[in-house]
PDB file of N, CA and C in Angstrom:
ATOM      1  N   MET A   1      10.803  -2.541  30.061  1.00  0.00           N
ATOM      2  CA  MET A   1       9.592  -2.201  29.348  1.00  0.00           C
ATOM      3  C   MET A   1       9.015  -3.446  28.690  1.00  0.00           C
ATOM      4  N   LYS A   2       7.758  -3.686  28.895  1.00  0.00           N
ATOM      5  CA  LYS A   2       7.077  -4.827  28.293  1.00  0.00           C
ATOM      6  C   LYS A   2       6.053  -4.332  27.277  1.00  0.00           C
ATOM      7  N   HIS A   3       6.478  -4.216  26.011  1.00  0.00           N
ATOM      8  CA  HIS A   3       5.604  -3.752  24.938  1.00  0.00           C
ATOM      9  C   HIS A   3       5.515  -4.800  23.838  1.00  0.00           C
ATOM     10  N   THR A   4       5.480  -6.052  24.203  1.00  0.00           N
ATOM     11  CA  THR A   4       5.576  -7.117  23.218  1.00  0.00           C
ATOM     12  C   THR A   4       4.441  -7.075  22.213  1.00  0.00           C
ATOM     13  N   LEU A   5       3.205  -6.991  22.672  1.00  0.00           N
ATOM     14  CA  LEU A   5       2.070  -7.060  21.758  1.00  0.00           C
ATOM     15  C   LEU A   5       1.403  -5.710  21.571  1.00  0.00           C
ATOM     16  N   SER A   6       1.683  -4.752  22.422  1.00  0.00           N
ATOM     17  CA  SER A   6       0.965  -3.485  22.359  1.00  0.00           C
ATOM     18  C   SER A   6       1.352  -2.664  21.126  1.00  0.00           C
ATOM     19  N   ILE A   7       2.575  -2.767  20.646  1.00  0.00           N
ATOM     20  CA  ILE A   7       2.995  -1.963  19.500  1.00  0.00           C
ATOM     21  C   ILE A   7       2.251  -2.371  18.227  1.00  0.00           C
ATOM     22  N   PRO A   8       2.169  -3.660  17.873  1.00  0.00           N
ATOM     23  CA  PRO A   8       1.386  -4.017  16.678  1.00  0.00           C
ATOM     24  C   PRO A   8      -0.093  -3.671  16.822  1.00  0.00           C
ATOM     25  N   LEU A   9      -0.653  -3.864  18.004  1.00  0.00           N
ATOM     26  CA  LEU A   9      -2.053  -3.532  18.201  1.00  0.00           C
ATOM     27  C   LEU A   9      -2.287  -2.030  18.081  1.00  0.00           C
ATOM     28  N   LEU A  10      -1.373  -1.244  18.574  1.00  0.00           N
ATOM     29  CA  LEU A  10      -1.475   0.204  18.455  1.00  0.00           C
ATOM     30  C   LEU A  10      -1.409   0.629  16.991  1.00  0.00           C
ATOM     31  N   ALA A  11      -0.513   0.037  16.228  1.00  0.00           N
ATOM     32  CA  ALA A  11      -0.384   0.378  14.808  1.00  0.00           C
ATOM     33  C   ALA A  11      -1.652   0.006  14.043  1.00  0.00           C
ATOM     34  N   ILE A  12      -2.215  -1.146  14.320  1.00  0.00           N
ATOM     35  CA  ILE A  12      -3.452  -1.568  13.653  1.00  0.00           C
ATOM     36  C   ILE A  12      -4.595  -0.647  14.043  1.00  0.00           C
ATOM     37  N   GLY A  13      -4.684  -0.293  15.311  1.00  0.00           N
ATOM     38  CA  GLY A  13      -5.732   0.613  15.765  1.00  0.00           C
ATOM     39  C   GLY A  13      -5.640   1.984  15.128  1.00  0.00           C
ATOM     40  N   MET A  14      -4.412   2.495  14.999  1.00  0.00           N
ATOM     41  CA  MET A  14      -4.240   3.797  14.362  1.00  0.00           C
ATOM     42  C   MET A  14      -4.631   3.730  12.890  1.00  0.00           C
ATOM     43  N   PHE A  15      -4.285   2.648  12.203  1.00  0.00           N
ATOM     44  CA  PHE A  15      -4.647   2.500  10.798  1.00  0.00           C
ATOM     45  C   PHE A  15      -6.161   2.462  10.631  1.00  0.00           C
ATOM     46  N   LEU A  16      -6.835   1.681  11.477  1.00  0.00           N
ATOM     47  CA  LEU A  16      -8.287   1.562  11.351  1.00  0.00           C
ATOM     48  C   LEU A  16      -8.975   2.880  11.679  1.00  0.00           C
ATOM     49  N   SER A  17      -8.517   3.587  12.695  1.00  0.00           N
ATOM     50  CA  SER A  17      -9.175   4.833  13.067  1.00  0.00           C
ATOM     51  C   SER A  17      -9.006   5.903  12.003  1.00  0.00           C
ATOM     52  N   THR A  18      -7.850   6.001  11.374  1.00  0.00           N
ATOM     53  CA  THR A  18      -7.664   7.015  10.335  1.00  0.00           C
ATOM     54  C   THR A  18      -8.420   6.644   9.068  1.00  0.00           C
ATOM     55  N   SER A  19      -8.556   5.362   8.782  1.00  0.00           N
ATOM     56  CA  SER A  19      -9.305   4.984   7.583  1.00  0.00           C
ATOM     57  C   SER A  19     -10.793   5.249   7.764  1.00  0.00           C
ATOM     58  N   LEU A  20     -11.288   5.178   9.002  1.00  0.00           N
ATOM     59  CA  LEU A  20     -12.693   5.465   9.243  1.00  0.00           C
ATOM     60  C   LEU A  20     -12.970   6.955   9.140  1.00  0.00           C
ATOM     61  N   TRP A  21     -12.032   7.807   9.510  1.00  0.00           N
ATOM     62  CA  TRP A  21     -12.233   9.250   9.420  1.00  0.00           C
ATOM     63  C   TRP A  21     -12.270   9.712   7.979  1.00  0.00           C
ATOM     64  N   ALA A  22     -11.581   9.028   7.100  1.00  0.00           N
ATOM     65  CA  ALA A  22     -11.450   9.484   5.725  1.00  0.00           C
ATOM     66  C   ALA A  22     -12.701   9.226   4.884  1.00  0.00           C
ATOM     67  N   GLN A  23     -13.648   8.478   5.396  1.00  0.00           N
ATOM     68  CA  GLN A  23     -14.819   8.128   4.609  1.00  0.00           C
ATOM     69  C   GLN A  23     -15.897   9.192   4.745  1.00  0.00           C
ATOM     70  N   GLU A  24     -16.551   9.482   3.633  1.00  0.00           N
ATOM     71  CA  GLU A  24     -17.648  10.441   3.640  1.00  0.00           C
ATOM     72  C   GLU A  24     -18.959   9.695   3.806  1.00  0.00           C
ATOM     73  N   LYS A  25     -19.910  10.362   4.420  1.00  0.00           N
ATOM     74  CA  LYS A  25     -21.236   9.751   4.597  1.00  0.00           C
ATOM     75  C   LYS A  25     -22.079  10.000   3.352  1.00  0.00           C
ATOM     76  N   HIS A  26     -22.888   9.016   2.985  1.00  0.00           N
ATOM     77  CA  HIS A  26     -23.803   9.188   1.871  1.00  0.00           C
ATOM     78  C   HIS A  26     -25.116   8.516   2.228  1.00  0.00           C
ATOM     79  N   LYS A  27     -26.137   8.923   1.538  1.00  0.00           N
ATOM     80  CA  LYS A  27     -27.475   8.418   1.817  1.00  0.00           C
ATOM     81  C   LYS A  27     -27.610   6.974   1.310  1.00  0.00           C
ATOM     82  N   ILE A  28     -28.186   6.109   2.133  1.00  0.00           N
ATOM     83  CA  ILE A  28     -28.391   4.708   1.774  1.00  0.00           C
ATOM     84  C   ILE A  28     -29.758   4.572   1.117  1.00  0.00           C
ATOM     85  N   ASP A  29     -29.796   3.908  -0.051  1.00  0.00           N
ATOM     86  CA  ASP A  29     -31.059   3.700  -0.737  1.00  0.00           C
ATOM     87  C   ASP A  29     -31.284   2.208  -0.986  1.00  0.00           C
ATOM     88  N   GLU A  30     -32.289   1.863  -1.732  1.00  0.00           N
ATOM     89  CA  GLU A  30     -32.651   0.462  -1.987  1.00  0.00           C
ATOM     90  C   GLU A  30     -31.566  -0.293  -2.737  1.00  0.00           C
ATOM     91  N   ASN A  31     -30.821   0.376  -3.604  1.00  0.00           N
ATOM     92  CA  ASN A  31     -29.746  -0.294  -4.357  1.00  0.00           C
ATOM     93  C   ASN A  31     -28.673  -0.832  -3.421  1.00  0.00           C
ATOM     94  N   ASP A  32     -28.417  -0.119  -2.328  1.00  0.00           N
ATOM     95  CA  ASP A  32     -27.417  -0.578  -1.374  1.00  0.00           C
ATOM     96  C   ASP A  32     -27.859  -1.865  -0.685  1.00  0.00           C
ATOM     97  N   TYR A  33     -29.121  -1.954  -0.360  1.00  0.00           N
ATOM     98  CA  TYR A  33     -29.621  -3.154   0.304  1.00  0.00           C
ATOM     99  C   TYR A  33     -29.737  -4.330  -0.656  1.00  0.00           C
ATOM    100  N   ALA A  34     -30.071  -4.058  -1.911  1.00  0.00           N
ATOM    101  CA  ALA A  34     -30.221  -5.129  -2.895  1.00  0.00           C
ATOM    102  C   ALA A  34     -28.881  -5.573  -3.451  1.00  0.00           C
ATOM    103  N   ASN A  35     -27.835  -4.773  -3.271  1.00  0.00           N
ATOM    104  CA  ASN A  35     -26.486  -5.076  -3.745  1.00  0.00           C
ATOM    105  C   ASN A  35     -26.473  -5.326  -5.261  1.00  0.00           C
ATOM    106  N   GLN A  36     -27.141  -4.432  -5.990  1.00  0.00           N
ATOM    107  CA  GLN A  36     -27.239  -4.570  -7.447  1.00  0.00           C
ATOM    108  C   GLN A  36     -26.152  -3.807  -8.202  1.00  0.00           C
ATOM    109  N   SER A  37     -25.449  -2.900  -7.541  1.00  0.00           N
ATOM    110  CA  SER A  37     -24.550  -2.013  -8.263  1.00  0.00           C
ATOM    111  C   SER A  37     -23.067  -2.353  -8.104  1.00  0.00           C
ATOM    112  N   VAL A  38     -22.726  -3.536  -7.596  1.00  0.00           N
ATOM    113  CA  VAL A  38     -21.324  -3.910  -7.423  1.00  0.00           C
ATOM    114  C   VAL A  38     -20.970  -4.932  -8.502  1.00  0.00           C
ATOM    115  N   GLU A  39     -20.710  -4.423  -9.697  1.00  0.00           N
ATOM    116  CA  GLU A  39     -20.508  -5.295 -10.851  1.00  0.00           C
ATOM    117  C   GLU A  39     -19.204  -6.077 -10.760  1.00  0.00           C
ATOM    118  N   MET A  40     -18.141  -5.439 -10.274  1.00  0.00           N
ATOM    119  CA  MET A  40     -16.858  -6.122 -10.198  1.00  0.00           C
ATOM    120  C   MET A  40     -16.933  -7.307  -9.235  1.00  0.00           C
ATOM    121  N   ALA A  41     -17.526  -7.093  -8.063  1.00  0.00           N
ATOM    122  CA  ALA A  41     -17.640  -8.174  -7.088  1.00  0.00           C
ATOM    123  C   ALA A  41     -18.529  -9.285  -7.623  1.00  0.00           C
ATOM    124  N   ASP A  42     -19.597  -8.920  -8.324  1.00  0.00           N
ATOM    125  CA  ASP A  42     -20.468  -9.949  -8.906  1.00  0.00           C
ATOM    126  C   ASP A  42     -19.733 -10.751  -9.963  1.00  0.00           C
ATOM    127  N   GLY A  43     -18.907 -10.082 -10.773  1.00  0.00           N
ATOM    128  CA  GLY A  43     -18.117 -10.782 -11.800  1.00  0.00           C
ATOM    129  C   GLY A  43     -17.109 -11.724 -11.165  1.00  0.00           C
ATOM    130  N   PHE A  44     -16.409 -11.257 -10.120  1.00  0.00           N
ATOM    131  CA  PHE A  44     -15.456 -12.120  -9.421  1.00  0.00           C
ATOM    132  C   PHE A  44     -16.167 -13.317  -8.799  1.00  0.00           C
ATOM    133  N   ARG A  45     -17.329 -13.063  -8.211  1.00  0.00           N
ATOM    134  CA  ARG A  45     -18.075 -14.143  -7.556  1.00  0.00           C
ATOM    135  C   ARG A  45     -18.557 -15.154  -8.601  1.00  0.00           C
ATOM    136  N   ALA A  46     -19.031 -14.678  -9.735  1.00  0.00           N
ATOM    137  CA  ALA A  46     -19.548 -15.560 -10.775  1.00  0.00           C
ATOM    138  C   ALA A  46     -18.435 -16.438 -11.361  1.00  0.00           C
ATOM    139  N   GLU A  47     -17.232 -15.899 -11.482  1.00  0.00           N
ATOM    140  CA  GLU A  47     -16.126 -16.649 -12.068  1.00  0.00           C
ATOM    141  C   GLU A  47     -15.321 -17.418 -11.031  1.00  0.00           C
ATOM    142  N   GLY A  48     -15.672 -17.291  -9.752  1.00  0.00           N
ATOM    143  CA  GLY A  48     -14.951 -17.995  -8.696  1.00  0.00           C
ATOM    144  C   GLY A  48     -13.651 -17.338  -8.297  1.00  0.00           C
ATOM    145  N   LYS A  49     -13.386 -16.125  -8.788  1.00  0.00           N
ATOM    146  CA  LYS A  49     -12.127 -15.439  -8.492  1.00  0.00           C
ATOM    147  C   LYS A  49     -12.162 -14.725  -7.138  1.00  0.00           C
ATOM    148  N   ILE A  50     -13.344 -14.578  -6.571  1.00  0.00           N
ATOM    149  CA  ILE A  50     -13.442 -13.883  -5.290  1.00  0.00           C
ATOM    150  C   ILE A  50     -12.650 -14.620  -4.219  1.00  0.00           C
ATOM    151  N   TYR A  51     -12.573 -15.942  -4.339  1.00  0.00           N
ATOM    152  CA  TYR A  51     -11.811 -16.724  -3.357  1.00  0.00           C
ATOM    153  C   TYR A  51     -10.314 -16.471  -3.479  1.00  0.00           C
ATOM    154  N   VAL A  52      -9.863 -16.211  -4.700  1.00  0.00           N
ATOM    155  CA  VAL A  52      -8.459 -15.878  -4.911  1.00  0.00           C
ATOM    156  C   VAL A  52      -8.146 -14.520  -4.277  1.00  0.00           C
ATOM    157  N   VAL A  53      -9.050 -13.568  -4.478  1.00  0.00           N
ATOM    158  CA  VAL A  53      -8.862 -12.240  -3.895  1.00  0.00           C
ATOM    159  C   VAL A  53      -8.819 -12.330  -2.378  1.00  0.00           C
ATOM    160  N   VAL A  54      -9.753 -13.068  -1.793  1.00  0.00           N
ATOM    161  CA  VAL A  54      -9.795 -13.221  -0.343  1.00  0.00           C
ATOM    162  C   VAL A  54      -8.540 -13.935   0.152  1.00  0.00           C
ATOM    163  N   ALA A  55      -8.099 -14.963  -0.539  1.00  0.00           N
ATOM    164  CA  ALA A  55      -6.907 -15.704  -0.126  1.00  0.00           C
ATOM    165  C   ALA A  55      -5.657 -14.810  -0.169  1.00  0.00           C
ATOM    166  N   VAL A  56      -5.538 -13.991  -1.202  1.00  0.00           N
ATOM    167  CA  VAL A  56      -4.399 -13.085  -1.294  1.00  0.00           C
ATOM    168  C   VAL A  56      -4.430 -12.062  -0.166  1.00  0.00           C
ATOM    169  N   MET A  57      -5.604 -11.521   0.119  1.00  0.00           N
ATOM    170  CA  MET A  57      -5.722 -10.548   1.206  1.00  0.00           C
ATOM    171  C   MET A  57      -5.377 -11.165   2.552  1.00  0.00           C
ATOM    172  N   VAL A  58      -5.846 -12.382   2.793  1.00  0.00           N
ATOM    173  CA  VAL A  58      -5.549 -13.067   4.060  1.00  0.00           C
ATOM    174  C   VAL A  58      -4.050 -13.363   4.155  1.00  0.00           C
ATOM    175  N   ALA A  59      -3.454 -13.799   3.046  1.00  0.00           N
ATOM    176  CA  ALA A  59      -2.024 -14.082   3.050  1.00  0.00           C
ATOM    177  C   ALA A  59      -1.202 -12.827   3.325  1.00  0.00           C
ATOM    178  N   LEU A  60      -1.570 -11.718   2.704  1.00  0.00           N
ATOM    179  CA  LEU A  60      -0.849 -10.461   2.937  1.00  0.00           C
ATOM    180  C   LEU A  60      -1.004  -9.986   4.381  1.00  0.00           C
ATOM    181  N   LEU A  61      -2.210 -10.028   4.887  1.00  0.00           N
ATOM    182  CA  LEU A  61      -2.443  -9.607   6.268  1.00  0.00           C
ATOM    183  C   LEU A  61      -1.709 -10.518   7.247  1.00  0.00           C
ATOM    184  N   GLY A  62      -1.757 -11.820   6.995  1.00  0.00           N
ATOM    185  CA  GLY A  62      -1.046 -12.765   7.855  1.00  0.00           C
ATOM    186  C   GLY A  62       0.454 -12.567   7.805  1.00  0.00           C
ATOM    187  N   GLY A  63       0.993 -12.361   6.611  1.00  0.00           N
ATOM    188  CA  GLY A  63       2.425 -12.135   6.461  1.00  0.00           C
ATOM    189  C   GLY A  63       2.869 -10.850   7.133  1.00  0.00           C
ATOM    190  N   PHE A  64       2.090  -9.803   6.967  1.00  0.00           N
ATOM    191  CA  PHE A  64       2.416  -8.526   7.608  1.00  0.00           C
ATOM    192  C   PHE A  64       2.364  -8.654   9.133  1.00  0.00           C
ATOM    193  N   THR A  65       1.352  -9.322   9.644  1.00  0.00           N
ATOM    194  CA  THR A  65       1.227  -9.522  11.087  1.00  0.00           C
ATOM    195  C   THR A  65       2.400 -10.335  11.622  1.00  0.00           C
ATOM    196  N   PHE A  66       2.764 -11.415  10.926  1.00  0.00           N
ATOM    197  CA  PHE A  66       3.900 -12.232  11.336  1.00  0.00           C
ATOM    198  C   PHE A  66       5.185 -11.407  11.351  1.00  0.00           C
ATOM    199  N   TYR A  67       5.380 -10.592  10.314  1.00  0.00           N
ATOM    200  CA  TYR A  67       6.576  -9.764  10.225  1.00  0.00           C
ATOM    201  C   TYR A  67       6.654  -8.771  11.384  1.00  0.00           C
ATOM    202  N   VAL A  68       5.543  -8.112  11.679  1.00  0.00           N
ATOM    203  CA  VAL A  68       5.546  -7.109  12.746  1.00  0.00           C
ATOM    204  C   VAL A  68       5.792  -7.765  14.097  1.00  0.00           C
ATOM    205  N   VAL A  69       5.156  -8.899  14.363  1.00  0.00           N
ATOM    206  CA  VAL A  69       5.351  -9.590  15.638  1.00  0.00           C
ATOM    207  C   VAL A  69       6.780 -10.080  15.763  1.00  0.00           C
ATOM    208  N   ARG A  70       7.343 -10.612  14.681  1.00  0.00           N
ATOM    209  CA  ARG A  70       8.727 -11.093  14.699  1.00  0.00           C
ATOM    210  C   ARG A  70       9.728  -9.954  14.953  1.00  0.00           C
ATOM    211  N   MET A  71       9.505  -8.819  14.297  1.00  0.00           N
ATOM    212  CA  MET A  71      10.369  -7.654  14.522  1.00  0.00           C
ATOM    213  C   MET A  71      10.260  -7.166  15.967  1.00  0.00           C
ATOM    214  N   ASP A  72       9.057  -7.186  16.510  1.00  0.00           N
ATOM    215  CA  ASP A  72       8.873  -6.767  17.893  1.00  0.00           C
ATOM    216  C   ASP A  72       9.620  -7.691  18.848  1.00  0.00           C
ATOM    217  N   MET A  73       9.611  -8.987  18.563  1.00  0.00           N
ATOM    218  CA  MET A  73      10.339  -9.941  19.397  1.00  0.00           C
ATOM    219  C   MET A  73      11.847  -9.688  19.312  1.00  0.00           C
ATOM    220  N   LYS A  74      12.347  -9.406  18.121  1.00  0.00           N
ATOM    221  CA  LYS A  74      13.785  -9.138  17.965  1.00  0.00           C
ATOM    222  C   LYS A  74      14.193  -7.858  18.685  1.00  0.00           C
ATOM    223  N   VAL A  75      13.371  -6.824  18.574  1.00  0.00           N
ATOM    224  CA  VAL A  75      13.682  -5.564  19.254  1.00  0.00           C
ATOM    225  C   VAL A  75      13.637  -5.749  20.761  1.00  0.00           C
ATOM    226  N   THR A  76      12.671  -6.517  21.254  1.00  0.00           N
ATOM    227  CA  THR A  76      12.591  -6.782  22.698  1.00  0.00           C
ATOM    228  C   THR A  76      13.839  -7.520  23.170  1.00  0.00           C
ATOM    229  N   GLY A  77      14.318  -8.480  22.389  1.00  0.00           N
ATOM    230  CA  GLY A  77      15.541  -9.193  22.741  1.00  0.00           C
ATOM    231  C   GLY A  77      16.749  -8.281  22.779  1.00  0.00           C
ATOM    232  N   LEU A  78      16.839  -7.390  21.806  1.00  0.00           N
ATOM    233  CA  LEU A  78      17.948  -6.427  21.790  1.00  0.00           C
ATOM    234  C   LEU A  78      17.870  -5.471  22.980  1.00  0.00           C
ATOM    235  N   GLU A  79      16.650  -5.055  23.332  1.00  0.00           N
ATOM    236  CA  GLU A  79      16.494  -4.177  24.496  1.00  0.00           C
ATOM    237  C   GLU A  79      16.973  -4.864  25.761  1.00  0.00           C
ATOM    238  N   LYS A  80      16.651  -6.147  25.904  1.00  0.00           N
ATOM    239  CA  LYS A  80      17.095  -6.896  27.078  1.00  0.00           C
ATOM    240  C   LYS A  80      18.616  -7.006  27.127  1.00  0.00           C
ATOM    241  N   LYS A  81      19.239  -7.264  25.965  1.00  0.00           N
ATOM    242  CA  LYS A  81      20.705  -7.369  25.920  1.00  0.00           C
ATOM    243  C   LYS A  81      21.372  -6.046  26.277  1.00  0.00           C
ATOM    244  N   VAL A  82      20.821  -4.950  25.786  1.00  0.00           N
ATOM    245  CA  VAL A  82      21.379  -3.635  26.091  1.00  0.00           C
ATOM    246  C   VAL A  82      21.229  -3.338  27.580  1.00  0.00           C
ATOM    247  N   GLU A  83      20.056  -3.668  28.129  1.00  0.00           N
ATOM    248  CA  GLU A  83      19.816  -3.433  29.549  1.00  0.00           C
ATOM    249  C   GLU A  83      20.791  -4.265  30.405  1.00  0.00           C
ATOM    250  N   GLU A  84      20.995  -5.537  30.037  1.00  0.00           N
ATOM    251  CA  GLU A  84      21.938  -6.390  30.771  1.00  0.00           C
ATOM    252  C   GLU A  84      23.368  -5.835  30.650  1.00  0.00           C
ATOM    253  N   PHE A  85      23.726  -5.366  29.462  1.00  0.00           N
ATOM    254  CA  PHE A  85      25.053  -4.817  29.251  1.00  0.00           C
ATOM    255  C   PHE A  85      25.274  -3.568  30.106  1.00  0.00           C
ATOM    256  N   LEU A  86      24.270  -2.700  30.137  1.00  0.00           N
ATOM    257  CA  LEU A  86      24.404  -1.467  30.904  1.00  0.00           C
ATOM    258  C   LEU A  86      24.462  -1.730  32.412  1.00  0.00           C
ATOM    259  N   GLN A  87      23.755  -2.745  32.873  1.00  0.00           N
ATOM    260  CA  GLN A  87      23.781  -3.061  34.293  1.00  0.00           C
ATOM    261  C   GLN A  87      25.064  -3.785  34.666  1.00  0.00           C
ATOM    262  N   GLY A  88      25.712  -4.427  33.722  1.00  0.00           N
ATOM    263  CA  GLY A  88      26.955  -5.132  33.981  1.00  0.00           C
ATOM    264  C   GLY A  88      28.151  -4.213  34.065  1.00  0.00           C
ATOM    265  N   LYS A  89      28.034  -2.997  33.569  1.00  0.00           N
ATOM    266  CA  LYS A  89      29.155  -2.037  33.595  1.00  0.00           C
ATOM    267  C   LYS A  89      29.441  -1.528  34.968  1.00  0.00           C
TER     268      LYS A  89
END
């Protein structure tokens, strides 16, 4: 079985699809286009903290992706060893 990259991609796809279903639709008005009502983001942007938030998010996503890919590689290696062992019997 060759599932090296498909398992992490499947997990990410399932996460994204379920998060999109959970959102409710609302009417878009002029405030949404002007971006006047996002006070927290404006405060972070004004103080330069938005870059810290983005950096932390990128680091977490990168670390999680690395972990999942590494675990997939280890499991694939174990599967190969088990298959070789079973064929050697």
